[in-house]
Every structure is written in structure tokens, then in C-alpha cells.
């Protein structure tokens, strides 16, 4: 359940990033937050 929610949030943030919405609203830090949350999983695998 949490994985599905995480993927939905991640895909939404990526779509907003590529459409320029995050840059216009100074929310680009959300992309970095997602990257930091993925990093431990990459190390674990």
C-alpha cells in the first residue's frame, strides 16, 4: 500500500517538474526530497 502511494507521489512530482510547475512555484526541492528517499533503497539492493 505504501509503495503504491509513494509511486503515485513520485510520478506526480516528476510530471510537475517536467511541466515547469515546480520551478514557477519554488518547489524544486521536492525532487531532491524524492531523490534522498530513494537513495537508501538503492544502497539496500
PDB file of N, CA and C in Angstrom:
ATOM      1  N   UNK A   1       0.830  -1.199   0.000  1.00  0.00           N
ATOM      2  CA  UNK A   1       0.000   0.000   0.000  1.00  0.00           C
ATOM      3  C   UNK A   1       0.868   1.254   0.000  1.00  0.00           C
ATOM      4  N   UNK A   2       1.893   1.275   0.868  1.00  0.00           N
ATOM      5  CA  UNK A   2       2.752   2.464   0.940  1.00  0.00           C
ATOM      6  C   UNK A   2       3.577   2.637  -0.330  1.00  0.00           C
ATOM      7  N   UNK A   3       3.937   1.506  -0.954  1.00  0.00           N
ATOM      8  CA  UNK A   3       4.702   1.592  -2.199  1.00  0.00           C
ATOM      9  C   UNK A   3       3.879   2.239  -3.299  1.00  0.00           C
ATOM     10  N   UNK A   4       2.618   1.883  -3.363  1.00  0.00           N
ATOM     11  CA  UNK A   4       1.741   2.468  -4.384  1.00  0.00           C
ATOM     12  C   UNK A   4       1.596   3.963  -4.153  1.00  0.00           C
ATOM     13  N   UNK A   5       1.381   4.360  -2.907  1.00  0.00           N
ATOM     14  CA  UNK A   5       1.260   5.778  -2.583  1.00  0.00           C
ATOM     15  C   UNK A   5       2.553   6.527  -2.908  1.00  0.00           C
ATOM     16  N   UNK A   6       3.692   5.902  -2.596  1.00  0.00           N
ATOM     17  CA  UNK A   6       4.977   6.535  -2.880  1.00  0.00           C
ATOM     18  C   UNK A   6       5.156   6.732  -4.383  1.00  0.00           C
ATOM     19  N   UNK A   7       4.829   5.709  -5.168  1.00  0.00           N
ATOM     20  CA  UNK A   7       4.978   5.825  -6.615  1.00  0.00           C
ATOM     21  C   UNK A   7       4.042   6.873  -7.193  1.00  0.00           C
ATOM     22  N   UNK A   8       2.840   6.970  -6.687  1.00  0.00           N
ATOM     23  CA  UNK A   8       1.901   7.987  -7.174  1.00  0.00           C
ATOM     24  C   UNK A   8       2.446   9.380  -6.892  1.00  0.00           C
ATOM     25  N   UNK A   9       2.967   9.594  -5.693  1.00  0.00           N
ATOM     26  CA  UNK A   9       3.552  10.893  -5.343  1.00  0.00           C
ATOM     27  C   UNK A   9       4.779  11.169  -6.206  1.00  0.00           C
ATOM     28  N   UNK A  10       5.635  10.165  -6.391  1.00  0.00           N
ATOM     29  CA  UNK A  10       6.851  10.354  -7.182  1.00  0.00           C
ATOM     30  C   UNK A  10       6.522  10.692  -8.637  1.00  0.00           C
ATOM     31  N   UNK A  11       5.584   9.994  -9.213  1.00  0.00           N
ATOM     32  CA  UNK A  11       5.207  10.273 -10.603  1.00  0.00           C
ATOM     33  C   UNK A  11       4.584  11.652 -10.725  1.00  0.00           C
ATOM     34  N   UNK A  12       3.774  12.038  -9.746  1.00  0.00           N
ATOM     35  CA  UNK A  12       3.168  13.371  -9.763  1.00  0.00           C
ATOM     36  C   UNK A  12       4.227  14.458  -9.686  1.00  0.00           C
ATOM     37  N   UNK A  13       5.211  14.286  -8.802  1.00  0.00           N
ATOM     38  CA  UNK A  13       6.275  15.276  -8.675  1.00  0.00           C
ATOM     39  C   UNK A  13       7.086  15.355  -9.963  1.00  0.00           C
ATOM     40  N   UNK A  14       7.380  14.222 -10.580  1.00  0.00           N
ATOM     41  CA  UNK A  14       8.133  14.236 -11.835  1.00  0.00           C
ATOM     42  C   UNK A  14       7.361  14.923 -12.951  1.00  0.00           C
ATOM     43  N   UNK A  15       6.069  14.672 -13.037  1.00  0.00           N
ATOM     44  CA  UNK A  15       5.259  15.342 -14.060  1.00  0.00           C
ATOM     45  C   UNK A  15       5.250  16.845 -13.825  1.00  0.00           C
ATOM     46  N   UNK A  16       5.079  17.252 -12.570  1.00  0.00           N
ATOM     47  CA  UNK A  16       5.078  18.691 -12.264  1.00  0.00           C
ATOM     48  C   UNK A  16       6.446  19.308 -12.523  1.00  0.00           C
ATOM     49  N   UNK A  17       7.507  18.529 -12.326  1.00  0.00           N
ATOM     50  CA  UNK A  17       8.861  19.028 -12.591  1.00  0.00           C
ATOM     51  C   UNK A  17       9.053  19.281 -14.085  1.00  0.00           C
ATOM     52  N   UNK A  18       8.652  18.325 -14.908  1.00  0.00           N
ATOM     53  CA  UNK A  18       8.879  18.455 -16.352  1.00  0.00           C
ATOM     54  C   UNK A  18       7.933  19.445 -17.007  1.00  0.00           C
ATOM     55  N   UNK A  19       6.817  19.758 -16.380  1.00  0.00           N
ATOM     56  CA  UNK A  19       5.928  20.781 -16.941  1.00  0.00           C
ATOM     57  C   UNK A  19       6.338  22.187 -16.495  1.00  0.00           C
ATOM     58  N   UNK A  20       7.261  22.278 -15.539  1.00  0.00           N
ATOM     59  CA  UNK A  20       7.729  23.578 -15.087  1.00  0.00           C
ATOM     60  C   UNK A  20       6.956  24.143 -13.916  1.00  0.00           C
ATOM     61  N   UNK A  21       5.993  23.419 -13.417  1.00  0.00           N
ATOM     62  CA  UNK A  21       5.159  23.918 -12.313  1.00  0.00           C
ATOM     63  C   UNK A  21       5.978  24.122 -11.045  1.00  0.00           C
ATOM     64  N   UNK A  22       6.874  23.177 -10.759  1.00  0.00           N
ATOM     65  CA  UNK A  22       7.664  23.271  -9.531  1.00  0.00           C
ATOM     66  C   UNK A  22       8.612  24.464  -9.579  1.00  0.00           C
ATOM     67  N   UNK A  23       9.198  24.723 -10.730  1.00  0.00           N
ATOM     68  CA  UNK A  23      10.132  25.844 -10.859  1.00  0.00           C
ATOM     69  C   UNK A  23       9.412  27.178 -10.681  1.00  0.00           C
ATOM     70  N   UNK A  24       8.220  27.268 -11.230  1.00  0.00           N
ATOM     71  CA  UNK A  24       7.459  28.523 -11.106  1.00  0.00           C
ATOM     72  C   UNK A  24       7.055  28.807  -9.670  1.00  0.00           C
ATOM     73  N   UNK A  25       6.842  27.752  -8.885  1.00  0.00           N
ATOM     74  CA  UNK A  25       6.370  27.929  -7.515  1.00  0.00           C
ATOM     75  C   UNK A  25       7.448  27.676  -6.464  1.00  0.00           C
ATOM     76  N   UNK A  26       8.706  27.651  -6.895  1.00  0.00           N
ATOM     77  CA  UNK A  26       9.849  27.426  -5.989  1.00  0.00           C
ATOM     78  C   UNK A  26       9.699  26.141  -5.184  1.00  0.00           C
ATOM     79  N   UNK A  27       9.286  25.079  -5.842  1.00  0.00           N
ATOM     80  CA  UNK A  27       9.106  23.796  -5.176  1.00  0.00           C
ATOM     81  C   UNK A  27      10.042  22.721  -5.735  1.00  0.00           C
ATOM     82  N   UNK A  28      11.123  23.144  -6.387  1.00  0.00           N
ATOM     83  CA  UNK A  28      12.065  22.181  -6.957  1.00  0.00           C
ATOM     84  C   UNK A  28      12.699  21.296  -5.894  1.00  0.00           C
ATOM     85  N   UNK A  29      12.668  21.719  -4.637  1.00  0.00           N
ATOM     86  CA  UNK A  29      13.262  20.917  -3.573  1.00  0.00           C
ATOM     87  C   UNK A  29      12.534  19.587  -3.399  1.00  0.00           C
ATOM     88  N   UNK A  30      11.297  19.498  -3.886  1.00  0.00           N
ATOM     89  CA  UNK A  30      10.566  18.229  -3.794  1.00  0.00           C
ATOM     90  C   UNK A  30      11.259  17.123  -4.589  1.00  0.00           C
ATOM     91  N   UNK A  31      11.896  17.482  -5.705  1.00  0.00           N
ATOM     92  CA  UNK A  31      12.622  16.495  -6.493  1.00  0.00           C
ATOM     93  C   UNK A  31      13.795  15.954  -5.687  1.00  0.00           C
ATOM     94  N   UNK A  32      14.490  16.822  -4.981  1.00  0.00           N
ATOM     95  CA  UNK A  32      15.621  16.387  -4.163  1.00  0.00           C
ATOM     96  C   UNK A  32      15.160  15.545  -2.971  1.00  0.00           C
ATOM     97  N   UNK A  33      14.004  15.864  -2.403  1.00  0.00           N
ATOM     98  CA  UNK A  33      13.467  15.061  -1.303  1.00  0.00           C
ATOM     99  C   UNK A  33      13.173  13.643  -1.793  1.00  0.00           C
ATOM    100  N   UNK A  34      12.599  13.520  -2.976  1.00  0.00           N
ATOM    101  CA  UNK A  34      12.344  12.189  -3.528  1.00  0.00           C
ATOM    102  C   UNK A  34      13.644  11.440  -3.787  1.00  0.00           C
ATOM    103  N   UNK A  35      14.654  12.146  -4.285  1.00  0.00           N
ATOM    104  CA  UNK A  35      15.940  11.505  -4.538  1.00  0.00           C
ATOM    105  C   UNK A  35      16.568  10.991  -3.250  1.00  0.00           C
ATOM    106  N   UNK A  36      16.452  11.758  -2.184  1.00  0.00           N
ATOM    107  CA  UNK A  36      17.023  11.339  -0.894  1.00  0.00           C
ATOM    108  C   UNK A  36      16.264  10.138  -0.336  1.00  0.00           C
ATOM    109  N   UNK A  37      14.965  10.069  -0.558  1.00  0.00           N
ATOM    110  CA  UNK A  37      14.207   8.932  -0.045  1.00  0.00           C
ATOM    111  C   UNK A  37      14.474   7.663  -0.850  1.00  0.00           C
ATOM    112  N   UNK A  38      14.865   7.791  -2.102  1.00  0.00           N
ATOM    113  CA  UNK A  38      15.175   6.621  -2.923  1.00  0.00           C
ATOM    114  C   UNK A  38      16.574   6.096  -2.624  1.00  0.00           C
ATOM    115  N   UNK A  39      17.491   6.960  -2.241  1.00  0.00           N
ATOM    116  CA  UNK A  39      18.902   6.591  -2.057  1.00  0.00           C
ATOM    117  C   UNK A  39      19.108   5.420  -1.102  1.00  0.00           C
ATOM    118  N   UNK A  40      18.488   5.370   0.078  1.00  0.00           N
ATOM    119  CA  UNK A  40      18.697   4.215   0.970  1.00  0.00           C
ATOM    120  C   UNK A  40      18.209   2.899   0.338  1.00  0.00           C
ATOM    121  N   UNK A  41      17.153   2.938  -0.436  1.00  0.00           N
ATOM    122  CA  UNK A  41      16.675   1.727  -1.086  1.00  0.00           C
ATOM    123  C   UNK A  41      17.677   1.223  -2.118  1.00  0.00           C
ATOM    124  N   UNK A  42      18.321   2.143  -2.806  1.00  0.00           N
ATOM    125  CA  UNK A  42      19.340   1.750  -3.788  1.00  0.00           C
ATOM    126  C   UNK A  42      20.526   1.117  -3.087  1.00  0.00           C
ATOM    127  N   UNK A  43      20.917   1.657  -1.961  1.00  0.00           N
ATOM    128  CA  UNK A  43      22.032   1.076  -1.200  1.00  0.00           C
ATOM    129  C   UNK A  43      21.655  -0.298  -0.649  1.00  0.00           C
ATOM    130  N   UNK A  44      20.419  -0.470  -0.251  1.00  0.00           N
ATOM    131  CA  UNK A  44      19.969  -1.730   0.310  1.00  0.00           C
ATOM    132  C   UNK A  44      19.974  -2.847  -0.736  1.00  0.00           C
ATOM    133  N   UNK A  45      19.599  -2.498  -1.958  1.00  0.00           N
ATOM    134  CA  UNK A  45      19.553  -3.510  -3.021  1.00  0.00           C
ATOM    135  C   UNK A  45      20.949  -3.851  -3.474  1.00  0.00           C
TER     136      UNK A  45
END
